[in-house]
Structures are given as C-alpha cells and as structure tokens.
Protein backbone atom coordinates (compact mmCIF):
# COMPACT_ATOMS: atom_id res chain seq x y z
CA UNK A 1 0.30 0.12 -0.07
CA UNK A 2 2.58 2.31 0.91
CA UNK A 3 4.48 2.22 -2.75
CA UNK A 4 0.85 2.82 -4.06
CA UNK A 5 0.87 5.83 -2.37
CA UNK A 6 4.23 7.16 -2.81
CA UNK A 7 3.43 6.76 -5.89
CA UNK A 8 0.23 9.47 -6.17
CA UNK A 9 2.72 11.62 -4.30
CA UNK A 10 5.17 11.87 -6.41
CA UNK A 11 2.04 12.39 -9.67
CA UNK A 12 1.09 15.13 -7.63
CA UNK A 13 3.82 16.53 -7.02
CA UNK A 14 4.84 16.60 -10.12
CA UNK A 15 1.46 18.56 -11.31
CA UNK A 16 2.95 20.93 -8.78
CA UNK A 17 6.62 21.08 -10.18
CA UNK A 18 6.65 23.94 -12.74
CA UNK A 19 4.93 26.52 -10.72
CA UNK A 20 7.81 25.96 -7.93
CA UNK A 21 10.27 25.24 -11.31
CA UNK A 22 9.03 28.44 -12.71
CA UNK A 23 10.47 30.59 -9.32
CA UNK A 24 13.85 28.65 -9.70
CA UNK A 25 12.33 25.82 -7.06
CA UNK A 26 11.09 22.18 -6.33
CA UNK A 27 10.01 20.13 -4.19
CA UNK A 28 11.11 15.74 -3.39
CA UNK A 29 9.50 13.65 -1.59
CA UNK A 30 11.47 12.27 1.39
CA UNK A 31 9.49 9.95 3.38
CA UNK A 32 6.38 8.96 4.31
CA UNK A 33 5.52 7.88 8.12
CA UNK A 34 3.27 4.86 8.69
CA UNK A 35 1.09 7.63 10.17
CA UNK A 36 0.99 9.02 6.65
CA UNK A 37 2.75 11.93 7.35
CA UNK A 38 4.56 13.51 4.39
CA UNK A 39 7.45 15.22 4.63
CA UNK A 40 9.15 16.95 2.02
CA UNK A 41 12.32 19.05 1.11
CA UNK A 42 11.87 22.40 -0.50
CA UNK A 43 14.68 23.20 -2.66
CA UNK A 44 16.56 25.79 -5.19
CA UNK A 45 14.76 29.10 -4.72
CA UNK A 46 12.25 27.69 -2.57
CA UNK A 47 14.33 26.83 -0.05
CA UNK A 48 15.13 30.38 1.17
CA UNK A 49 11.78 32.10 -0.18
CA UNK A 50 10.17 33.90 2.87
CA UNK A 51 6.91 32.24 1.08
CA UNK A 52 7.66 29.07 1.26
CA UNK A 53 5.60 28.52 4.69
CA UNK A 54 2.77 29.41 2.27
CA UNK A 55 3.81 27.21 -0.74
CA UNK A 56 4.02 24.65 1.58
CA UNK A 57 0.53 24.75 3.30
CA UNK A 58 -1.74 26.55 0.93
CA UNK A 59 -0.19 24.71 -2.25
CA UNK A 60 1.36 21.61 -1.60
CA UNK A 61 -0.68 20.36 1.76
CA UNK A 62 -3.76 21.56 -0.03
CA UNK A 63 -3.20 19.25 -3.36
CA UNK A 64 -1.77 16.29 -2.12
CA UNK A 65 -4.51 15.72 1.02
CA UNK A 66 -7.22 16.60 -1.84
CA UNK A 67 -4.84 13.92 -4.24
CA UNK A 68 -4.88 11.64 -1.19
CA UNK A 69 -7.11 12.02 1.31
CA UNK A 70 -4.92 9.35 3.36
CA UNK A 71 -2.17 12.03 4.35
CA UNK A 72 -2.77 13.16 7.77
CA UNK A 73 -0.46 16.00 7.08
CA UNK A 74 2.81 17.61 4.90
CA UNK A 75 5.52 18.73 7.02
CA UNK A 76 8.76 20.28 5.56
CA UNK A 77 12.53 19.35 7.12
C-alpha cells in the first residue's frame, strides 16, 4: 500500500512542480511515515523564500490532501 501512495504523491507533486520550477525552486519527497505524514524538502529558490511556508501549506499540502485523502499532514524538513 505504501508504494502505491508514494506513487500517487509523486504524481501529485509532478503536477505542482512546474509552478515551483518557474520560480527556480522544486520539491522532493523525503519520506512517507507509517502515520501517513508526508515529509518534503523544498529546494532551490523555494528553500530560502520567505513565502515557502505559505507555498507548503496553501499549495502543496492542500493539493496532496485533495489527491490523497489518507495523508494526515505534510511537513517541510
């Protein structure tokens, strides 16, 4: 099951990447925990952007939870 969820996460992230990459950033999936917590790493310009918290919560977390309701939360590491 976990591998199937990871594939869905990657698919959802791939749909968001063009927006991040347009600003010189990107996102990497680091881990999916047993508690269904998704741990992501913002890279490039996104890693130091003042708006990265908003990008993570309003954009990435909402998008992932919409695509994969089993996700409990999304955190940046």
